[in-house]
Amino acid sequence: MKKVTITIETDYIPAMALLKLAGVTGTGGQAGYEIESGLVSLDGTVIHEKRKKVYPGQVLTVGKEWQILVNKGNTRHED
């Protein structure tokens, strides 16, 4: 599983934007499809809202391929 840490300066980031920012998808349309298909979970719970608010400290998982941790700040780090 690829683990990515995304650091944001805002209070939250919409799930669809997070998938694009992390490099999981190339477009918002692809991100929306992944979410609506039930492939994305937030802290272990499947989400279907494209604009679901993801806050620092939460983990977004896409299938068994990606795990995205959200931090507060403005840098990106990949493991």
Protein backbone atom coordinates (compact mmCIF):
# COMPACT_ATOMS: atom_id res chain seq x y z
CA MET A 1 0.00 0.00 0.00
CA LYS A 2 1.33 3.42 -0.92
CA LYS A 3 1.22 5.84 2.03
CA VAL A 4 1.12 9.58 1.43
CA THR A 5 1.00 12.38 3.97
CA ILE A 6 -0.64 15.59 2.79
CA THR A 7 -0.29 18.69 4.90
CA ILE A 8 -2.92 21.40 4.48
CA GLU A 9 -3.11 25.00 5.69
CA THR A 10 -6.92 25.08 5.81
CA ASP A 11 -9.20 23.56 8.45
CA TYR A 12 -10.24 20.75 6.08
CA ILE A 13 -9.98 19.55 2.48
CA PRO A 14 -12.80 18.00 0.41
CA ALA A 15 -12.22 14.29 -0.27
CA MET A 16 -12.28 14.78 -4.04
CA ALA A 17 -9.61 17.50 -3.87
CA LEU A 18 -7.50 15.35 -1.56
CA LEU A 19 -7.46 12.46 -4.03
CA LYS A 20 -6.26 14.83 -6.77
CA LEU A 21 -3.67 16.51 -4.53
CA ALA A 22 -2.25 13.16 -3.39
CA GLY A 23 -1.89 11.99 -6.99
CA VAL A 24 -4.40 9.15 -6.66
CA THR A 25 -6.43 10.52 -9.58
CA GLY A 26 -5.63 12.97 -12.33
CA THR A 27 -9.00 14.69 -12.52
CA GLY A 28 -11.94 15.59 -10.33
CA GLY A 29 -14.14 13.33 -12.45
CA GLN A 30 -11.95 10.32 -11.69
CA ALA A 31 -11.90 11.23 -8.00
CA GLY A 32 -15.68 11.51 -7.94
CA TYR A 33 -16.03 8.12 -9.63
CA GLU A 34 -13.75 6.45 -7.05
CA ILE A 35 -15.78 7.94 -4.19
CA GLU A 36 -19.21 7.22 -5.67
CA SER A 37 -18.14 3.63 -6.42
CA GLY A 38 -17.56 2.99 -2.72
CA LEU A 39 -13.80 2.53 -3.08
CA VAL A 40 -12.88 5.31 -0.63
CA SER A 41 -13.06 5.19 3.15
CA LEU A 42 -12.43 7.82 5.80
CA ASP A 43 -11.08 6.48 9.08
CA GLY A 44 -12.37 3.03 8.12
CA THR A 45 -15.89 4.09 7.04
CA VAL A 46 -16.83 4.03 3.35
CA ILE A 47 -17.84 7.46 2.09
CA HIS A 48 -19.99 8.39 -0.92
CA GLU A 49 -19.87 12.20 -0.61
CA LYS A 50 -17.43 13.75 -3.09
CA ARG A 51 -17.09 16.88 -0.98
CA LYS A 52 -16.82 15.08 2.38
CA LYS A 53 -14.68 17.23 4.68
CA VAL A 54 -11.39 15.57 5.63
CA TYR A 55 -9.71 17.13 8.67
CA PRO A 56 -6.08 16.97 9.86
CA GLY A 57 -5.50 13.72 11.74
CA GLN A 58 -7.88 11.73 9.54
CA VAL A 59 -6.89 8.98 7.10
CA LEU A 60 -8.44 8.49 3.66
CA THR A 61 -7.97 5.03 2.15
CA VAL A 62 -8.54 4.09 -1.49
CA GLY A 63 -9.01 0.35 -1.90
CA LYS A 64 -5.92 -1.51 -0.78
CA GLU A 65 -3.63 0.71 -2.84
CA TRP A 66 -3.51 4.13 -1.14
CA GLN A 67 -3.53 5.50 2.38
CA ILE A 68 -3.54 9.29 2.74
CA LEU A 69 -2.90 10.94 6.10
CA VAL A 70 -3.86 14.61 6.46
CA ASN A 71 -1.73 16.95 8.61
CA LYS A 72 -1.89 20.69 9.31
CA GLY A 73 0.76 22.87 7.51
CA ASN A 74 1.90 23.09 3.84
CA THR A 75 4.23 20.25 2.74
CA ARG A 76 3.89 16.85 1.02
CA HIS A 77 5.75 13.69 2.03
CA GLU A 78 5.69 10.21 0.47
CA ASP A 79 6.80 6.93 2.06
